[in-house]
Amino acid sequence: MQKKRRSYTSSELVQSLAKIHGFEEKLLAFEVRDFLQEYLDASLFSEIQSVNIKDKVVIIRIISPLMKNDFRMRKSFFLKKFQEKFSTEKIEDLVIF
């Protein structure tokens, strides 16, 4: 199975429309989800229920209690990775549910 890349996120037109209509955080959430899909093993990624961003806070919902605890313990590591990849201006904190 070939992985589908989301090339629309880099489009200037899409970025400007996102800014006008206020869904630029949702586009960033897709990028964070894609990053996690590449970074994590497929079995670990399947435990992630959703990735959202609200007020510069990445919100990750995880099904497995064990994986949820692991993410909480490595919160600063993942936050640093997200900030390096997507800038500290866009992401300030990480919350795991």
N, C-alpha and C. Protein backbone atom coordinates (compact mmCIF):
# COMPACT_ATOMS: atom_id res chain seq x y z
N MET A 1 0.84 -1.18 0.00
CA MET A 1 0.00 0.00 0.00
C MET A 1 0.88 1.24 0.00
N GLN A 2 0.62 2.13 -0.90
CA GLN A 2 1.42 3.33 -1.02
C GLN A 2 0.81 4.45 -0.18
N LYS A 3 1.66 5.15 0.55
CA LYS A 3 1.19 6.21 1.43
C LYS A 3 0.90 7.47 0.63
N LYS A 4 -0.25 8.05 0.89
CA LYS A 4 -0.68 9.25 0.19
C LYS A 4 -0.10 10.47 0.90
N ARG A 5 0.57 11.32 0.18
CA ARG A 5 1.14 12.54 0.75
C ARG A 5 0.16 13.69 0.57
N ARG A 6 0.11 14.54 1.56
CA ARG A 6 -0.77 15.70 1.50
C ARG A 6 0.03 16.89 0.99
N SER A 7 0.06 17.06 -0.31
CA SER A 7 0.83 18.15 -0.89
C SER A 7 0.09 19.48 -0.82
N TYR A 8 -1.22 19.44 -0.54
CA TYR A 8 -2.01 20.66 -0.52
C TYR A 8 -1.64 21.57 0.63
N THR A 9 -1.00 21.07 1.67
CA THR A 9 -0.69 21.92 2.82
C THR A 9 0.37 22.97 2.48
N SER A 10 1.20 22.71 1.48
CA SER A 10 2.24 23.67 1.14
C SER A 10 1.76 24.72 0.13
N SER A 11 0.59 24.53 -0.42
CA SER A 11 0.06 25.45 -1.41
C SER A 11 -0.24 26.81 -0.77
N GLU A 12 0.22 27.85 -1.42
CA GLU A 12 -0.02 29.21 -0.91
C GLU A 12 -1.50 29.56 -0.94
N LEU A 13 -2.20 29.09 -1.95
CA LEU A 13 -3.64 29.35 -2.07
C LEU A 13 -4.39 28.71 -0.90
N VAL A 14 -4.06 27.47 -0.60
CA VAL A 14 -4.72 26.77 0.50
C VAL A 14 -4.39 27.45 1.83
N GLN A 15 -3.13 27.86 1.99
CA GLN A 15 -2.74 28.55 3.23
C GLN A 15 -3.51 29.86 3.40
N SER A 16 -3.65 30.62 2.34
CA SER A 16 -4.37 31.89 2.45
C SER A 16 -5.86 31.66 2.70
N LEU A 17 -6.46 30.66 2.05
CA LEU A 17 -7.86 30.34 2.32
C LEU A 17 -8.06 29.87 3.76
N ALA A 18 -7.11 29.08 4.26
CA ALA A 18 -7.18 28.60 5.64
C ALA A 18 -7.14 29.78 6.61
N LYS A 19 -6.30 30.75 6.32
CA LYS A 19 -6.18 31.92 7.19
C LYS A 19 -7.47 32.74 7.17
N ILE A 20 -8.04 32.92 5.98
CA ILE A 20 -9.28 33.69 5.85
C ILE A 20 -10.43 33.03 6.59
N HIS A 21 -10.57 31.72 6.43
CA HIS A 21 -11.71 31.00 6.99
C HIS A 21 -11.44 30.39 8.36
N GLY A 22 -10.22 30.54 8.88
CA GLY A 22 -9.92 30.14 10.24
C GLY A 22 -9.72 28.66 10.48
N PHE A 23 -9.25 27.92 9.50
CA PHE A 23 -8.98 26.51 9.75
C PHE A 23 -7.51 26.15 9.52
N GLU A 24 -6.64 27.12 9.73
CA GLU A 24 -5.20 26.86 9.58
C GLU A 24 -4.69 25.90 10.66
N GLU A 25 -5.32 25.92 11.85
CA GLU A 25 -4.92 24.97 12.89
C GLU A 25 -5.24 23.54 12.47
N LYS A 26 -6.33 23.35 11.75
CA LYS A 26 -6.71 22.00 11.29
C LYS A 26 -5.68 21.48 10.28
N LEU A 27 -5.21 22.34 9.40
CA LEU A 27 -4.17 21.94 8.44
C LEU A 27 -2.88 21.55 9.17
N LEU A 28 -2.54 22.31 10.21
CA LEU A 28 -1.36 21.99 11.01
C LEU A 28 -1.55 20.66 11.74
N ALA A 29 -2.77 20.39 12.20
CA ALA A 29 -3.07 19.12 12.88
C ALA A 29 -2.87 17.95 11.91
N PHE A 30 -3.25 18.12 10.64
CA PHE A 30 -3.00 17.08 9.63
C PHE A 30 -1.50 16.84 9.46
N GLU A 31 -0.73 17.92 9.47
CA GLU A 31 0.71 17.78 9.32
C GLU A 31 1.33 17.06 10.53
N VAL A 32 0.85 17.38 11.73
CA VAL A 32 1.34 16.70 12.94
C VAL A 32 0.98 15.22 12.89
N ARG A 33 -0.24 14.92 12.46
CA ARG A 33 -0.68 13.52 12.35
C ARG A 33 0.19 12.77 11.33
N ASP A 34 0.48 13.40 10.20
CA ASP A 34 1.36 12.77 9.20
C ASP A 34 2.76 12.53 9.76
N PHE A 35 3.26 13.49 10.53
CA PHE A 35 4.57 13.34 11.17
C PHE A 35 4.57 12.14 12.12
N LEU A 36 3.51 12.02 12.93
CA LEU A 36 3.42 10.89 13.86
C LEU A 36 3.31 9.57 13.10
N GLN A 37 2.62 9.57 11.99
CA GLN A 37 2.48 8.36 11.19
C GLN A 37 3.83 7.91 10.65
N GLU A 38 4.65 8.85 10.24
CA GLU A 38 5.99 8.52 9.74
C GLU A 38 6.91 8.12 10.89
N TYR A 39 6.77 8.77 12.04
CA TYR A 39 7.69 8.57 13.16
C TYR A 39 7.40 7.27 13.92
N LEU A 40 6.13 6.97 14.13
CA LEU A 40 5.74 5.81 14.93
C LEU A 40 5.56 4.56 14.07
N ASP A 41 5.65 3.43 14.72
CA ASP A 41 5.35 2.15 14.09
C ASP A 41 3.84 2.11 13.77
N ALA A 42 3.45 1.34 12.76
CA ALA A 42 2.05 1.29 12.34
C ALA A 42 1.13 0.83 13.47
N SER A 43 1.57 -0.13 14.27
CA SER A 43 0.73 -0.62 15.37
C SER A 43 0.56 0.46 16.45
N LEU A 44 1.60 1.23 16.70
CA LEU A 44 1.48 2.33 17.68
C LEU A 44 0.61 3.45 17.13
N PHE A 45 0.78 3.77 15.86
CA PHE A 45 0.01 4.86 15.26
C PHE A 45 -1.48 4.52 15.24
N SER A 46 -1.82 3.24 15.11
CA SER A 46 -3.23 2.84 15.08
C SER A 46 -3.93 3.11 16.41
N GLU A 47 -3.17 3.29 17.48
CA GLU A 47 -3.75 3.58 18.80
C GLU A 47 -4.11 5.06 18.96
N ILE A 48 -3.65 5.90 18.04
CA ILE A 48 -3.97 7.33 18.11
C ILE A 48 -5.35 7.56 17.50
N GLN A 49 -6.25 8.07 18.32
CA GLN A 49 -7.62 8.28 17.87
C GLN A 49 -7.77 9.59 17.09
N SER A 50 -7.17 10.66 17.60
CA SER A 50 -7.28 11.94 16.90
C SER A 50 -6.14 12.87 17.29
N VAL A 51 -5.86 13.82 16.40
CA VAL A 51 -4.88 14.87 16.64
C VAL A 51 -5.54 16.19 16.27
N ASN A 52 -5.61 17.10 17.23
CA ASN A 52 -6.20 18.41 16.98
C ASN A 52 -5.29 19.48 17.56
N ILE A 53 -5.53 20.71 17.14
CA ILE A 53 -4.78 21.85 17.69
C ILE A 53 -5.78 22.95 18.02
N LYS A 54 -5.67 23.45 19.25
CA LYS A 54 -6.54 24.54 19.67
C LYS A 54 -5.70 25.51 20.48
N ASP A 55 -5.68 26.75 20.08
CA ASP A 55 -4.93 27.81 20.76
C ASP A 55 -3.46 27.42 20.97
N LYS A 56 -2.83 26.92 19.92
CA LYS A 56 -1.41 26.54 19.89
C LYS A 56 -1.07 25.36 20.80
N VAL A 57 -2.07 24.57 21.17
CA VAL A 57 -1.88 23.39 22.00
C VAL A 57 -2.26 22.16 21.17
N VAL A 58 -1.32 21.23 21.01
CA VAL A 58 -1.58 19.99 20.29
C VAL A 58 -2.31 19.05 21.26
N ILE A 59 -3.46 18.55 20.83
CA ILE A 59 -4.27 17.65 21.64
C ILE A 59 -4.30 16.29 20.94
N ILE A 60 -3.72 15.28 21.61
CA ILE A 60 -3.67 13.94 21.03
C ILE A 60 -4.53 13.02 21.90
N ARG A 61 -5.49 12.35 21.27
CA ARG A 61 -6.32 11.37 21.96
C ARG A 61 -5.81 9.98 21.61
N ILE A 62 -5.51 9.19 22.65
CA ILE A 62 -4.93 7.86 22.47
C ILE A 62 -5.85 6.83 23.12
N ILE A 63 -6.07 5.72 22.42
CA ILE A 63 -6.97 4.66 22.90
C ILE A 63 -6.33 3.85 24.02
N SER A 64 -5.12 3.39 23.82
CA SER A 64 -4.43 2.49 24.75
C SER A 64 -3.93 3.23 25.99
N PRO A 65 -4.33 2.77 27.18
CA PRO A 65 -3.83 3.42 28.42
C PRO A 65 -2.31 3.32 28.57
N LEU A 66 -1.74 2.22 28.13
CA LEU A 66 -0.29 2.04 28.23
C LEU A 66 0.45 3.03 27.33
N MET A 67 -0.02 3.18 26.11
CA MET A 67 0.60 4.14 25.19
C MET A 67 0.36 5.57 25.65
N LYS A 68 -0.81 5.81 26.21
CA LYS A 68 -1.13 7.15 26.73
C LYS A 68 -0.13 7.53 27.81
N ASN A 69 0.16 6.60 28.71
CA ASN A 69 1.13 6.84 29.78
C ASN A 69 2.53 7.08 29.20
N ASP A 70 2.91 6.30 28.19
CA ASP A 70 4.21 6.46 27.55
C ASP A 70 4.34 7.84 26.92
N PHE A 71 3.29 8.30 26.23
CA PHE A 71 3.31 9.63 25.63
C PHE A 71 3.41 10.71 26.71
N ARG A 72 2.71 10.53 27.80
CA ARG A 72 2.77 11.53 28.89
C ARG A 72 4.16 11.60 29.48
N MET A 73 4.82 10.45 29.62
CA MET A 73 6.18 10.44 30.17
C MET A 73 7.17 11.09 29.20
N ARG A 74 6.92 10.98 27.90
CA ARG A 74 7.82 11.56 26.91
C ARG A 74 7.24 12.83 26.29
N LYS A 75 6.39 13.52 27.03
CA LYS A 75 5.73 14.72 26.54
C LYS A 75 6.72 15.78 26.07
N SER A 76 7.74 16.05 26.88
CA SER A 76 8.71 17.09 26.52
C SER A 76 9.48 16.71 25.25
N PHE A 77 9.76 15.43 25.07
CA PHE A 77 10.44 14.96 23.87
C PHE A 77 9.59 15.22 22.62
N PHE A 78 8.30 14.83 22.68
CA PHE A 78 7.42 15.03 21.53
C PHE A 78 7.15 16.51 21.28
N LEU A 79 6.98 17.28 22.34
CA LEU A 79 6.77 18.72 22.19
C LEU A 79 7.96 19.37 21.49
N LYS A 80 9.15 18.99 21.89
CA LYS A 80 10.36 19.53 21.26
C LYS A 80 10.43 19.14 19.79
N LYS A 81 10.09 17.89 19.47
CA LYS A 81 10.07 17.42 18.07
C LYS A 81 9.08 18.23 17.24
N PHE A 82 7.87 18.43 17.77
CA PHE A 82 6.85 19.20 17.06
C PHE A 82 7.29 20.64 16.85
N GLN A 83 7.90 21.24 17.87
CA GLN A 83 8.34 22.62 17.76
C GLN A 83 9.48 22.77 16.76
N GLU A 84 10.38 21.78 16.71
CA GLU A 84 11.46 21.82 15.72
C GLU A 84 10.91 21.70 14.30
N LYS A 85 9.94 20.84 14.13
CA LYS A 85 9.39 20.57 12.80
C LYS A 85 8.44 21.68 12.33
N PHE A 86 7.60 22.20 13.24
CA PHE A 86 6.53 23.12 12.84
C PHE A 86 6.66 24.52 13.42
N SER A 87 7.68 24.82 14.16
CA SER A 87 8.01 26.12 14.77
C SER A 87 7.33 26.32 16.12
N THR A 88 8.04 27.03 16.98
CA THR A 88 7.53 27.29 18.33
C THR A 88 6.40 28.32 18.32
N GLU A 89 6.28 29.08 17.23
CA GLU A 89 5.20 30.06 17.13
C GLU A 89 3.85 29.37 16.98
N LYS A 90 3.84 28.20 16.34
CA LYS A 90 2.58 27.51 16.06
C LYS A 90 2.18 26.53 17.16
N ILE A 91 3.17 25.99 17.89
CA ILE A 91 2.90 24.98 18.92
C ILE A 91 3.58 25.38 20.22
N GLU A 92 2.77 25.54 21.27
CA GLU A 92 3.30 25.94 22.56
C GLU A 92 3.23 24.83 23.61
N ASP A 93 2.27 23.92 23.48
CA ASP A 93 2.10 22.89 24.49
C ASP A 93 1.52 21.62 23.86
N LEU A 94 1.54 20.53 24.63
CA LEU A 94 1.05 19.24 24.18
C LEU A 94 0.20 18.65 25.31
N VAL A 95 -1.00 18.18 24.96
CA VAL A 95 -1.89 17.56 25.93
C VAL A 95 -2.26 16.18 25.38
N ILE A 96 -2.19 15.16 26.25
CA ILE A 96 -2.52 13.80 25.84
C ILE A 96 -3.72 13.34 26.65
N PHE A 97 -4.76 12.87 25.93
CA PHE A 97 -5.98 12.33 26.56
C PHE A 97 -6.10 10.87 26.23
